[in-house]
Structure formats: C-alpha cells, structure tokens
Amino acid sequence: MDKNEQIKIIEEMQQVVTQMKLDDIEEDPNIVKEYFNCDCCGKNQTLAGSIQYGDYRLCNDCVLKAEIGFALNKFDNIKKLIDAMENNRLEEICQYLKDDKNRHNN
C-alpha cells in the first residue's frame, strides 16, 4: 500500500468516525452530557461516537485510531492498541489525581 492509499484510508476513516459521533448526537442529543473513562486513552470522554470493542469502550478519538490501525493492518485486535496506549492512560490517571488533590486543597 503506497502513501497516497494510506492517506485516502485515513481521510475516509476520519469522515466515518466523525459521522458516527454526529449520528449519535442526532439520535440522542443528551448523549453529549454522558461521560465515561476511555479504556484506551484513559480520558473522561462523551459517549457520543464511542464504540464497545469486546470488553473495551473507546472514545471517538480512539475509535479513529483503532479503525485506522485495522484498515492499515497495523494490528489485528483491539488489545494491541490498548497495550500501546498504556503510558497515555497512566499519564491521564496521574493528572486526574493531581487535579483532584488540588481541588480538595483549595
């Protein structure tokens, strides 16, 4: 697969994932007020555009990473992406703990 094909796939995936989020919001506008902690990046994200992959729920941003990875044959199961994002999740948890401590100290 050449670079132009890869770029085309990435652009198509961006459109699909963006549309998924818009469709979720159109179907239920209140979904933007519902949050969860993404099993991939660890961030607290809106349910809009999220997808459940087996035991893991991914936010819309991570769904994009997953779908691009699958389309470009970078990995063949979601666990590989989850494992690759471990440092990001840990950083997010540490930041949450710092912010929480600061909230309680003020």
PDB file of N, CA and C in Angstrom:
ATOM      1  N   MET A   1       0.839  -1.172   0.000  1.00  0.00           N
ATOM      2  CA  MET A   1       0.000   0.000   0.000  1.00  0.00           C
ATOM      3  C   MET A   1       0.886   1.237   0.000  1.00  0.00           C
ATOM      4  N   ASP A   2       0.666   2.101  -0.973  1.00  0.00           N
ATOM      5  CA  ASP A   2       1.512   3.286  -1.049  1.00  0.00           C
ATOM      6  C   ASP A   2       0.961   4.417  -0.173  1.00  0.00           C
ATOM      7  N   LYS A   3       1.739   5.467  -0.062  1.00  0.00           N
ATOM      8  CA  LYS A   3       1.427   6.588   0.827  1.00  0.00           C
ATOM      9  C   LYS A   3       0.078   7.228   0.485  1.00  0.00           C
ATOM     10  N   ASN A   4      -0.208   7.394  -0.802  1.00  0.00           N
ATOM     11  CA  ASN A   4      -1.469   8.011  -1.210  1.00  0.00           C
ATOM     12  C   ASN A   4      -2.668   7.158  -0.805  1.00  0.00           C
ATOM     13  N   GLU A   5      -2.536   5.844  -0.919  1.00  0.00           N
ATOM     14  CA  GLU A   5      -3.612   4.945  -0.487  1.00  0.00           C
ATOM     15  C   GLU A   5      -3.824   5.059   1.018  1.00  0.00           C
ATOM     16  N   GLN A   6      -2.730   5.128   1.763  1.00  0.00           N
ATOM     17  CA  GLN A   6      -2.824   5.261   3.218  1.00  0.00           C
ATOM     18  C   GLN A   6      -3.520   6.567   3.605  1.00  0.00           C
ATOM     19  N   ILE A   7      -3.155   7.642   2.937  1.00  0.00           N
ATOM     20  CA  ILE A   7      -3.766   8.946   3.216  1.00  0.00           C
ATOM     21  C   ILE A   7      -5.259   8.900   2.908  1.00  0.00           C
ATOM     22  N   LYS A   8      -5.614   8.270   1.807  1.00  0.00           N
ATOM     23  CA  LYS A   8      -7.027   8.156   1.431  1.00  0.00           C
ATOM     24  C   LYS A   8      -7.803   7.366   2.490  1.00  0.00           C
ATOM     25  N   ILE A   9      -7.238   6.274   2.969  1.00  0.00           N
ATOM     26  CA  ILE A   9      -7.885   5.468   4.004  1.00  0.00           C
ATOM     27  C   ILE A   9      -8.063   6.289   5.282  1.00  0.00           C
ATOM     28  N   ILE A  10      -7.028   7.014   5.681  1.00  0.00           N
ATOM     29  CA  ILE A  10      -7.092   7.841   6.891  1.00  0.00           C
ATOM     30  C   ILE A  10      -8.184   8.901   6.757  1.00  0.00           C
ATOM     31  N   GLU A  11      -8.241   9.563   5.618  1.00  0.00           N
ATOM     32  CA  GLU A  11      -9.259  10.598   5.401  1.00  0.00           C
ATOM     33  C   GLU A  11     -10.662  10.002   5.438  1.00  0.00           C
ATOM     34  N   GLU A  12     -10.826   8.814   4.836  1.00  0.00           N
ATOM     35  CA  GLU A  12     -12.133   8.146   4.844  1.00  0.00           C
ATOM     36  C   GLU A  12     -12.534   7.761   6.268  1.00  0.00           C
ATOM     37  N   MET A  13     -11.577   7.246   7.027  1.00  0.00           N
ATOM     38  CA  MET A  13     -11.869   6.851   8.410  1.00  0.00           C
ATOM     39  C   MET A  13     -12.237   8.072   9.251  1.00  0.00           C
ATOM     40  N   GLN A  14     -11.562   9.198   9.027  1.00  0.00           N
ATOM     41  CA  GLN A  14     -11.882  10.426   9.759  1.00  0.00           C
ATOM     42  C   GLN A  14     -13.332  10.835   9.500  1.00  0.00           C
ATOM     43  N   GLN A  15     -13.763  10.746   8.239  1.00  0.00           N
ATOM     44  CA  GLN A  15     -15.134  11.112   7.883  1.00  0.00           C
ATOM     45  C   GLN A  15     -16.138  10.153   8.526  1.00  0.00           C
ATOM     46  N   VAL A  16     -15.851   8.855   8.478  1.00  0.00           N
ATOM     47  CA  VAL A  16     -16.751   7.844   9.036  1.00  0.00           C
ATOM     48  C   VAL A  16     -16.907   8.034  10.543  1.00  0.00           C
ATOM     49  N   VAL A  17     -15.793   8.206  11.247  1.00  0.00           N
ATOM     50  CA  VAL A  17     -15.819   8.325  12.703  1.00  0.00           C
ATOM     51  C   VAL A  17     -16.496   9.635  13.125  1.00  0.00           C
ATOM     52  N   THR A  18     -16.244  10.709  12.398  1.00  0.00           N
ATOM     53  CA  THR A  18     -16.918  11.982  12.677  1.00  0.00           C
ATOM     54  C   THR A  18     -18.421  11.831  12.482  1.00  0.00           C
ATOM     55  N   GLN A  19     -18.809  11.146  11.423  1.00  0.00           N
ATOM     56  CA  GLN A  19     -20.227  10.946  11.139  1.00  0.00           C
ATOM     57  C   GLN A  19     -20.890  10.084  12.217  1.00  0.00           C
ATOM     58  N   MET A  20     -20.161   9.084  12.727  1.00  0.00           N
ATOM     59  CA  MET A  20     -20.700   8.247  13.802  1.00  0.00           C
ATOM     60  C   MET A  20     -21.069   9.110  15.010  1.00  0.00           C
ATOM     61  N   LYS A  21     -20.199  10.031  15.361  1.00  0.00           N
ATOM     62  CA  LYS A  21     -20.446  10.910  16.503  1.00  0.00           C
ATOM     63  C   LYS A  21     -21.650  11.804  16.234  1.00  0.00           C
ATOM     64  N   LEU A  22     -21.714  12.371  15.042  1.00  0.00           N
ATOM     65  CA  LEU A  22     -22.846  13.228  14.673  1.00  0.00           C
ATOM     66  C   LEU A  22     -24.154  12.441  14.682  1.00  0.00           C
ATOM     67  N   ASP A  23     -24.124  11.208  14.194  1.00  0.00           N
ATOM     68  CA  ASP A  23     -25.322  10.359  14.192  1.00  0.00           C
ATOM     69  C   ASP A  23     -25.795  10.066  15.608  1.00  0.00           C
ATOM     70  N   ASP A  24     -24.846   9.770  16.499  1.00  0.00           N
ATOM     71  CA  ASP A  24     -25.208   9.518  17.904  1.00  0.00           C
ATOM     72  C   ASP A  24     -25.877  10.742  18.516  1.00  0.00           C
ATOM     73  N   ILE A  25     -25.342  11.923  18.235  1.00  0.00           N
ATOM     74  CA  ILE A  25     -25.888  13.167  18.791  1.00  0.00           C
ATOM     75  C   ILE A  25     -27.269  13.452  18.203  1.00  0.00           C
ATOM     76  N   GLU A  26     -27.424  13.199  16.906  1.00  0.00           N
ATOM     77  CA  GLU A  26     -28.722  13.413  16.265  1.00  0.00           C
ATOM     78  C   GLU A  26     -29.775  12.468  16.852  1.00  0.00           C
ATOM     79  N   GLU A  27     -29.374  11.228  17.096  1.00  0.00           N
ATOM     80  CA  GLU A  27     -30.286  10.223  17.642  1.00  0.00           C
ATOM     81  C   GLU A  27     -30.674  10.547  19.086  1.00  0.00           C
ATOM     82  N   ASP A  28     -29.722  11.040  19.869  1.00  0.00           N
ATOM     83  CA  ASP A  28     -29.967  11.367  21.274  1.00  0.00           C
ATOM     84  C   ASP A  28     -29.076  12.547  21.674  1.00  0.00           C
ATOM     85  N   PRO A  29     -29.589  13.773  21.547  1.00  0.00           N
ATOM     86  CA  PRO A  29     -28.777  14.956  21.859  1.00  0.00           C
ATOM     87  C   PRO A  29     -28.202  14.960  23.281  1.00  0.00           C
ATOM     88  N   ASN A  30     -28.837  14.282  24.214  1.00  0.00           N
ATOM     89  CA  ASN A  30     -28.346  14.259  25.599  1.00  0.00           C
ATOM     90  C   ASN A  30     -27.089  13.413  25.771  1.00  0.00           C
ATOM     91  N   ILE A  31     -26.735  12.646  24.746  1.00  0.00           N
ATOM     92  CA  ILE A  31     -25.561  11.769  24.857  1.00  0.00           C
ATOM     93  C   ILE A  31     -24.280  12.569  25.095  1.00  0.00           C
ATOM     94  N   VAL A  32     -24.260  13.817  24.662  1.00  0.00           N
ATOM     95  CA  VAL A  32     -23.062  14.640  24.864  1.00  0.00           C
ATOM     96  C   VAL A  32     -22.849  14.983  26.339  1.00  0.00           C
ATOM     97  N   LYS A  33     -23.877  14.742  27.173  1.00  0.00           N
ATOM     98  CA  LYS A  33     -23.772  15.001  28.606  1.00  0.00           C
ATOM     99  C   LYS A  33     -23.427  13.727  29.377  1.00  0.00           C
ATOM    100  N   GLU A  34     -23.314  12.605  28.663  1.00  0.00           N
ATOM    101  CA  GLU A  34     -22.978  11.328  29.295  1.00  0.00           C
ATOM    102  C   GLU A  34     -21.509  11.025  29.034  1.00  0.00           C
ATOM    103  N   TYR A  35     -20.778  10.732  30.118  1.00  0.00           N
ATOM    104  CA  TYR A  35     -19.334  10.538  30.011  1.00  0.00           C
ATOM    105  C   TYR A  35     -18.903   9.177  30.543  1.00  0.00           C
ATOM    106  N   PHE A  36     -17.733   8.760  30.126  1.00  0.00           N
ATOM    107  CA  PHE A  36     -17.122   7.517  30.591  1.00  0.00           C
ATOM    108  C   PHE A  36     -15.614   7.697  30.495  1.00  0.00           C
ATOM    109  N   ASN A  37     -14.866   6.822  31.163  1.00  0.00           N
ATOM    110  CA  ASN A  37     -13.410   6.839  31.044  1.00  0.00           C
ATOM    111  C   ASN A  37     -13.018   5.875  29.935  1.00  0.00           C
ATOM    112  N   CYS A  38     -12.395   6.395  28.905  1.00  0.00           N
ATOM    113  CA  CYS A  38     -11.986   5.591  27.753  1.00  0.00           C
ATOM    114  C   CYS A  38     -10.970   4.539  28.195  1.00  0.00           C
ATOM    115  N   ASP A  39     -11.214   3.301  27.803  1.00  0.00           N
ATOM    116  CA  ASP A  39     -10.302   2.204  28.151  1.00  0.00           C
ATOM    117  C   ASP A  39      -8.999   2.261  27.376  1.00  0.00           C
ATOM    118  N   CYS A  40      -8.930   3.138  26.382  1.00  0.00           N
ATOM    119  CA  CYS A  40      -7.713   3.234  25.577  1.00  0.00           C
ATOM    120  C   CYS A  40      -6.839   4.401  26.041  1.00  0.00           C
ATOM    121  N   CYS A  41      -7.381   5.625  25.987  1.00  0.00           N
ATOM    122  CA  CYS A  41      -6.581   6.804  26.345  1.00  0.00           C
ATOM    123  C   CYS A  41      -6.705   7.172  27.818  1.00  0.00           C
ATOM    124  N   GLY A  42      -7.744   6.690  28.480  1.00  0.00           N
ATOM    125  CA  GLY A  42      -7.929   6.983  29.894  1.00  0.00           C
ATOM    126  C   GLY A  42      -8.641   8.289  30.178  1.00  0.00           C
ATOM    127  N   LYS A  43      -8.958   9.057  29.154  1.00  0.00           N
ATOM    128  CA  LYS A  43      -9.613  10.348  29.353  1.00  0.00           C
ATOM    129  C   LYS A  43     -11.106  10.160  29.603  1.00  0.00           C
ATOM    130  N   ASN A  44     -11.688  11.115  30.326  1.00  0.00           N
ATOM    131  CA  ASN A  44     -13.120  11.133  30.545  1.00  0.00           C
ATOM    132  C   ASN A  44     -13.731  11.782  29.308  1.00  0.00           C
ATOM    133  N   GLN A  45     -14.469  10.996  28.526  1.00  0.00           N
ATOM    134  CA  GLN A  45     -14.967  11.442  27.225  1.00  0.00           C
ATOM    135  C   GLN A  45     -16.471  11.237  27.107  1.00  0.00           C
ATOM    136  N   THR A  46     -17.080  11.949  26.197  1.00  0.00           N
ATOM    137  CA  THR A  46     -18.502  11.787  25.929  1.00  0.00           C
ATOM    138  C   THR A  46     -18.763  10.426  25.267  1.00  0.00           C
ATOM    139  N   LEU A  47     -19.951   9.887  25.541  1.00  0.00           N
ATOM    140  CA  LEU A  47     -20.346   8.615  24.918  1.00  0.00           C
ATOM    141  C   LEU A  47     -20.592   8.775  23.418  1.00  0.00           C
ATOM    142  N   ALA A  48     -20.861   9.998  22.975  1.00  0.00           N
ATOM    143  CA  ALA A  48     -21.141  10.235  21.554  1.00  0.00           C
ATOM    144  C   ALA A  48     -19.977   9.758  20.691  1.00  0.00           C
ATOM    145  N   GLY A  49     -20.265   8.860  19.778  1.00  0.00           N
ATOM    146  CA  GLY A  49     -19.244   8.356  18.862  1.00  0.00           C
ATOM    147  C   GLY A  49     -18.349   7.282  19.442  1.00  0.00           C
ATOM    148  N   SER A  50     -18.606   6.878  20.682  1.00  0.00           N
ATOM    149  CA  SER A  50     -17.781   5.818  21.273  1.00  0.00           C
ATOM    150  C   SER A  50     -18.260   4.454  20.774  1.00  0.00           C
ATOM    151  N   ILE A  51     -17.382   3.470  20.879  1.00  0.00           N
ATOM    152  CA  ILE A  51     -17.713   2.106  20.442  1.00  0.00           C
ATOM    153  C   ILE A  51     -17.181   1.123  21.472  1.00  0.00           C
ATOM    154  N   GLN A  52     -17.953   0.067  21.662  1.00  0.00           N
ATOM    155  CA  GLN A  52     -17.542  -1.036  22.513  1.00  0.00           C
ATOM    156  C   GLN A  52     -16.854  -2.075  21.632  1.00  0.00           C
ATOM    157  N   TYR A  53     -15.604  -2.368  21.927  1.00  0.00           N
ATOM    158  CA  TYR A  53     -14.842  -3.417  21.246  1.00  0.00           C
ATOM    159  C   TYR A  53     -14.621  -4.518  22.274  1.00  0.00           C
ATOM    160  N   GLY A  54     -15.441  -5.531  22.269  1.00  0.00           N
ATOM    161  CA  GLY A  54     -15.310  -6.588  23.267  1.00  0.00           C
ATOM    162  C   GLY A  54     -15.482  -6.017  24.660  1.00  0.00           C
ATOM    163  N   ASP A  55     -14.463  -6.147  25.506  1.00  0.00           N
ATOM    164  CA  ASP A  55     -14.511  -5.654  26.884  1.00  0.00           C
ATOM    165  C   ASP A  55     -14.137  -4.183  27.004  1.00  0.00           C
ATOM    166  N   TYR A  56     -13.758  -3.539  25.920  1.00  0.00           N
ATOM    167  CA  TYR A  56     -13.224  -2.180  25.964  1.00  0.00           C
ATOM    168  C   TYR A  56     -14.149  -1.179  25.284  1.00  0.00           C
ATOM    169  N   ARG A  57     -14.410  -0.063  25.972  1.00  0.00           N
ATOM    170  CA  ARG A  57     -15.141   1.042  25.352  1.00  0.00           C
ATOM    171  C   ARG A  57     -14.127   2.124  25.010  1.00  0.00           C
ATOM    172  N   LEU A  58     -14.135   2.533  23.742  1.00  0.00           N
ATOM    173  CA  LEU A  58     -13.207   3.551  23.262  1.00  0.00           C
ATOM    174  C   LEU A  58     -13.957   4.819  22.898  1.00  0.00           C
ATOM    175  N   CYS A  59     -13.346   5.958  23.237  1.00  0.00           N
ATOM    176  CA  CYS A  59     -13.907   7.252  22.858  1.00  0.00           C
ATOM    177  C   CYS A  59     -13.778   7.427  21.344  1.00  0.00           C
ATOM    178  N   ASN A  60     -14.442   8.439  20.839  1.00  0.00           N
ATOM    179  CA  ASN A  60     -14.438   8.678  19.400  1.00  0.00           C
ATOM    180  C   ASN A  60     -13.036   8.881  18.851  1.00  0.00           C
ATOM    181  N   ASP A  61     -12.167   9.579  19.603  1.00  0.00           N
ATOM    182  CA  ASP A  61     -10.793   9.796  19.139  1.00  0.00           C
ATOM    183  C   ASP A  61     -10.039   8.470  19.018  1.00  0.00           C
ATOM    184  N   CYS A  62     -10.234   7.599  20.001  1.00  0.00           N
ATOM    185  CA  CYS A  62      -9.540   6.306  19.980  1.00  0.00           C
ATOM    186  C   CYS A  62     -10.169   5.342  18.976  1.00  0.00           C
ATOM    187  N   VAL A  63     -11.475   5.502  18.733  1.00  0.00           N
ATOM    188  CA  VAL A  63     -12.117   4.712  17.676  1.00  0.00           C
ATOM    189  C   VAL A  63     -11.421   5.021  16.352  1.00  0.00           C
ATOM    190  N   LEU A  64     -11.111   6.284  16.133  1.00  0.00           N
ATOM    191  CA  LEU A  64     -10.408   6.672  14.905  1.00  0.00           C
ATOM    192  C   LEU A  64      -9.057   5.973  14.827  1.00  0.00           C
ATOM    193  N   LYS A  65      -8.303   6.001  15.918  1.00  0.00           N
ATOM    194  CA  LYS A  65      -7.005   5.311  15.932  1.00  0.00           C
ATOM    195  C   LYS A  65      -7.176   3.826  15.652  1.00  0.00           C
ATOM    196  N   ALA A  66      -8.174   3.229  16.285  1.00  0.00           N
ATOM    197  CA  ALA A  66      -8.407   1.792  16.109  1.00  0.00           C
ATOM    198  C   ALA A  66      -8.760   1.469  14.665  1.00  0.00           C
ATOM    199  N   GLU A  67      -9.693   2.203  14.112  1.00  0.00           N
ATOM    200  CA  GLU A  67     -10.159   1.897  12.756  1.00  0.00           C
ATOM    201  C   GLU A  67      -9.072   2.153  11.702  1.00  0.00           C
ATOM    202  N   ILE A  68      -8.275   3.176  11.910  1.00  0.00           N
ATOM    203  CA  ILE A  68      -7.145   3.408  11.001  1.00  0.00           C
ATOM    204  C   ILE A  68      -6.143   2.265  11.129  1.00  0.00           C
ATOM    205  N   GLY A  69      -5.851   1.868  12.355  1.00  0.00           N
ATOM    206  CA  GLY A  69      -4.919   0.760  12.586  1.00  0.00           C
ATOM    207  C   GLY A  69      -5.387  -0.530  11.937  1.00  0.00           C
ATOM    208  N   PHE A  70      -6.680  -0.821  12.076  1.00  0.00           N
ATOM    209  CA  PHE A  70      -7.233  -2.020  11.440  1.00  0.00           C
ATOM    210  C   PHE A  70      -7.154  -1.911   9.915  1.00  0.00           C
ATOM    211  N   ALA A  71      -7.563  -0.753   9.381  1.00  0.00           N
ATOM    212  CA  ALA A  71      -7.586  -0.555   7.924  1.00  0.00           C
ATOM    213  C   ALA A  71      -6.194  -0.634   7.308  1.00  0.00           C
ATOM    214  N   LEU A  72      -5.176  -0.172   8.052  1.00  0.00           N
ATOM    215  CA  LEU A  72      -3.803  -0.182   7.534  1.00  0.00           C
ATOM    216  C   LEU A  72      -3.033  -1.439   7.957  1.00  0.00           C
ATOM    217  N   ASN A  73      -3.758  -2.377   8.575  1.00  0.00           N
ATOM    218  CA  ASN A  73      -3.161  -3.638   9.035  1.00  0.00           C
ATOM    219  C   ASN A  73      -1.989  -3.427   9.987  1.00  0.00           C
ATOM    220  N   LYS A  74      -2.108  -2.413  10.849  1.00  0.00           N
ATOM    221  CA  LYS A  74      -1.074  -2.141  11.855  1.00  0.00           C
ATOM    222  C   LYS A  74      -1.216  -3.083  13.047  1.00  0.00           C
ATOM    223  N   PHE A  75      -2.449  -3.534  13.297  1.00  0.00           N
ATOM    224  CA  PHE A  75      -2.717  -4.533  14.323  1.00  0.00           C
ATOM    225  C   PHE A  75      -4.007  -5.251  13.961  1.00  0.00           C
ATOM    226  N   ASP A  76      -4.207  -6.407  14.579  1.00  0.00           N
ATOM    227  CA  ASP A  76      -5.367  -7.224  14.223  1.00  0.00           C
ATOM    228  C   ASP A  76      -6.360  -7.419  15.357  1.00  0.00           C
ATOM    229  N   ASN A  77      -6.053  -6.855  16.534  1.00  0.00           N
ATOM    230  CA  ASN A  77      -7.031  -6.889  17.613  1.00  0.00           C
ATOM    231  C   ASN A  77      -6.875  -5.652  18.492  1.00  0.00           C
ATOM    232  N   ILE A  78      -7.969  -5.300  19.137  1.00  0.00           N
ATOM    233  CA  ILE A  78      -8.007  -4.049  19.891  1.00  0.00           C
ATOM    234  C   ILE A  78      -7.050  -4.051  21.076  1.00  0.00           C
ATOM    235  N   LYS A  79      -6.759  -5.198  21.623  1.00  0.00           N
ATOM    236  CA  LYS A  79      -5.862  -5.306  22.783  1.00  0.00           C
ATOM    237  C   LYS A  79      -4.484  -4.728  22.466  1.00  0.00           C
ATOM    238  N   LYS A  80      -4.033  -4.878  21.248  1.00  0.00           N
ATOM    239  CA  LYS A  80      -2.729  -4.333  20.865  1.00  0.00           C
ATOM    240  C   LYS A  80      -2.716  -2.807  20.953  1.00  0.00           C
ATOM    241  N   LEU A  81      -3.817  -2.176  20.563  1.00  0.00           N
ATOM    242  CA  LEU A  81      -3.907  -0.714  20.690  1.00  0.00           C
ATOM    243  C   LEU A  81      -3.997  -0.331  22.166  1.00  0.00           C
ATOM    244  N   ILE A  82      -4.804  -1.045  22.925  1.00  0.00           N
ATOM    245  CA  ILE A  82      -4.940  -0.779  24.357  1.00  0.00           C
ATOM    246  C   ILE A  82      -3.566  -0.859  25.031  1.00  0.00           C
ATOM    247  N   ASP A  83      -2.818  -1.908  24.728  1.00  0.00           N
ATOM    248  CA  ASP A  83      -1.478  -2.069  25.313  1.00  0.00           C
ATOM    249  C   ASP A  83      -0.541  -0.938  24.895  1.00  0.00           C
ATOM    250  N   ALA A  84      -0.625  -0.539  23.624  1.00  0.00           N
ATOM    251  CA  ALA A  84       0.256   0.525  23.125  1.00  0.00           C
ATOM    252  C   ALA A  84      -0.059   1.873  23.774  1.00  0.00           C
ATOM    253  N   MET A  85      -1.285   2.048  24.251  1.00  0.00           N
ATOM    254  CA  MET A  85      -1.707   3.316  24.838  1.00  0.00           C
ATOM    255  C   MET A  85      -1.546   3.345  26.361  1.00  0.00           C
ATOM    256  N   GLU A  86      -0.919   2.332  26.931  1.00  0.00           N
ATOM    257  CA  GLU A  86      -0.811   2.223  28.387  1.00  0.00           C
ATOM    258  C   GLU A  86      -0.193   3.466  29.028  1.00  0.00           C
ATOM    259  N   ASN A  87       0.883   3.972  28.474  1.00  0.00           N
ATOM    260  CA  ASN A  87       1.535   5.159  29.048  1.00  0.00           C
ATOM    261  C   ASN A  87       0.598   6.367  29.051  1.00  0.00           C
ATOM    262  N   ASN A  88      -0.178   6.522  27.977  1.00  0.00           N
ATOM    263  CA  ASN A  88      -1.136   7.623  27.920  1.00  0.00           C
ATOM    264  C   ASN A  88      -2.173   7.507  29.038  1.00  0.00           C
ATOM    265  N   ARG A  89      -2.679   6.282  29.253  1.00  0.00           N
ATOM    266  CA  ARG A  89      -3.666   6.068  30.313  1.00  0.00           C
ATOM    267  C   ARG A  89      -3.076   6.395  31.685  1.00  0.00           C
ATOM    268  N   LEU A  90      -1.848   5.947  31.911  1.00  0.00           N
ATOM    269  CA  LEU A  90      -1.197   6.205  33.198  1.00  0.00           C
ATOM    270  C   LEU A  90      -0.984   7.703  33.419  1.00  0.00           C
ATOM    271  N   GLU A  91      -0.576   8.409  32.391  1.00  0.00           N
ATOM    272  CA  GLU A  91      -0.395   9.860  32.492  1.00  0.00           C
ATOM    273  C   GLU A  91      -1.723  10.542  32.802  1.00  0.00           C
ATOM    274  N   GLU A  92      -2.775  10.060  32.178  1.00  0.00           N
ATOM    275  CA  GLU A  92      -4.106  10.628  32.405  1.00  0.00           C
ATOM    276  C   GLU A  92      -4.554  10.396  33.842  1.00  0.00           C
ATOM    277  N   ILE A  93      -4.312   9.214  34.370  1.00  0.00           N
ATOM    278  CA  ILE A  93      -4.661   8.899  35.766  1.00  0.00           C
ATOM    279  C   ILE A  93      -3.858   9.785  36.716  1.00  0.00           C
ATOM    280  N   CYS A  94      -2.573   9.923  36.472  1.00  0.00           N
ATOM    281  CA  CYS A  94      -1.728  10.776  37.324  1.00  0.00           C
ATOM    282  C   CYS A  94      -2.218  12.219  37.293  1.00  0.00           C
ATOM    283  N   GLN A  95      -2.561  12.704  36.134  1.00  0.00           N
ATOM    284  CA  GLN A  95      -3.058  14.078  36.017  1.00  0.00           C
ATOM    285  C   GLN A  95      -4.371  14.235  36.771  1.00  0.00           C
ATOM    286  N   TYR A  96      -5.247  13.247  36.659  1.00  0.00           N
ATOM    287  CA  TYR A  96      -6.521  13.295  37.379  1.00  0.00           C
ATOM    288  C   TYR A  96      -6.278  13.366  38.887  1.00  0.00           C
ATOM    289  N   LEU A  97      -5.364  12.529  39.374  1.00  0.00           N
ATOM    290  CA  LEU A  97      -5.065  12.511  40.810  1.00  0.00           C
ATOM    291  C   LEU A  97      -4.499  13.852  41.277  1.00  0.00           C
ATOM    292  N   LYS A  98      -3.601  14.447  40.486  1.00  0.00           N
ATOM    293  CA  LYS A  98      -3.042  15.757  40.828  1.00  0.00           C
ATOM    294  C   LYS A  98      -4.149  16.819  40.869  1.00  0.00           C
ATOM    295  N   ASP A  99      -5.008  16.804  39.841  1.00  0.00           N
ATOM    296  CA  ASP A  99      -6.092  17.784  39.770  1.00  0.00           C
ATOM    297  C   ASP A  99      -7.062  17.601  40.931  1.00  0.00           C
ATOM    298  N   ASP A 100      -7.358  16.354  41.257  1.00  0.00           N
ATOM    299  CA  ASP A 100      -8.270  16.061  42.355  1.00  0.00           C
ATOM    300  C   ASP A 100      -7.696  16.544  43.688  1.00  0.00           C
ATOM    301  N   LYS A 101      -6.410  16.326  43.889  1.00  0.00           N
ATOM    302  CA  LYS A 101      -5.741  16.777  45.110  1.00  0.00           C
ATOM    303  C   LYS A 101      -5.804  18.296  45.208  1.00  0.00           C
ATOM    304  N   ASN A 102      -5.545  18.973  44.082  1.00  0.00           N
ATOM    305  CA  ASN A 102      -5.586  20.431  44.064  1.00  0.00           C
ATOM    306  C   ASN A 102      -7.004  20.961  44.352  1.00  0.00           C
ATOM    307  N   ARG A 103      -8.012  20.276  43.850  1.00  0.00           N
ATOM    308  CA  ARG A 103      -9.394  20.684  44.110  1.00  0.00           C
ATOM    309  C   ARG A 103      -9.708  20.582  45.609  1.00  0.00           C
ATOM    310  N   HIS A 104      -9.218  19.536  46.229  1.00  0.00           N
ATOM    311  CA  HIS A 104      -9.501  19.339  47.644  1.00  0.00           C
ATOM    312  C   HIS A 104      -8.681  20.255  48.559  1.00  0.00           C
ATOM    313  N   ASN A 105      -7.574  20.748  48.061  1.00  0.00           N
ATOM    314  CA  ASN A 105      -6.722  21.636  48.848  1.00  0.00           C
ATOM    315  C   ASN A 105      -7.174  23.092  48.756  1.00  0.00           C
ATOM    316  N   ASN A 106      -8.015  23.389  47.792  1.00  0.00           N
ATOM    317  CA  ASN A 106      -8.460  24.793  47.599  1.00  0.00           C
ATOM    318  C   ASN A 106      -9.793  25.044  48.241  1.00  0.00           C
TER     319      ASN A 106
END
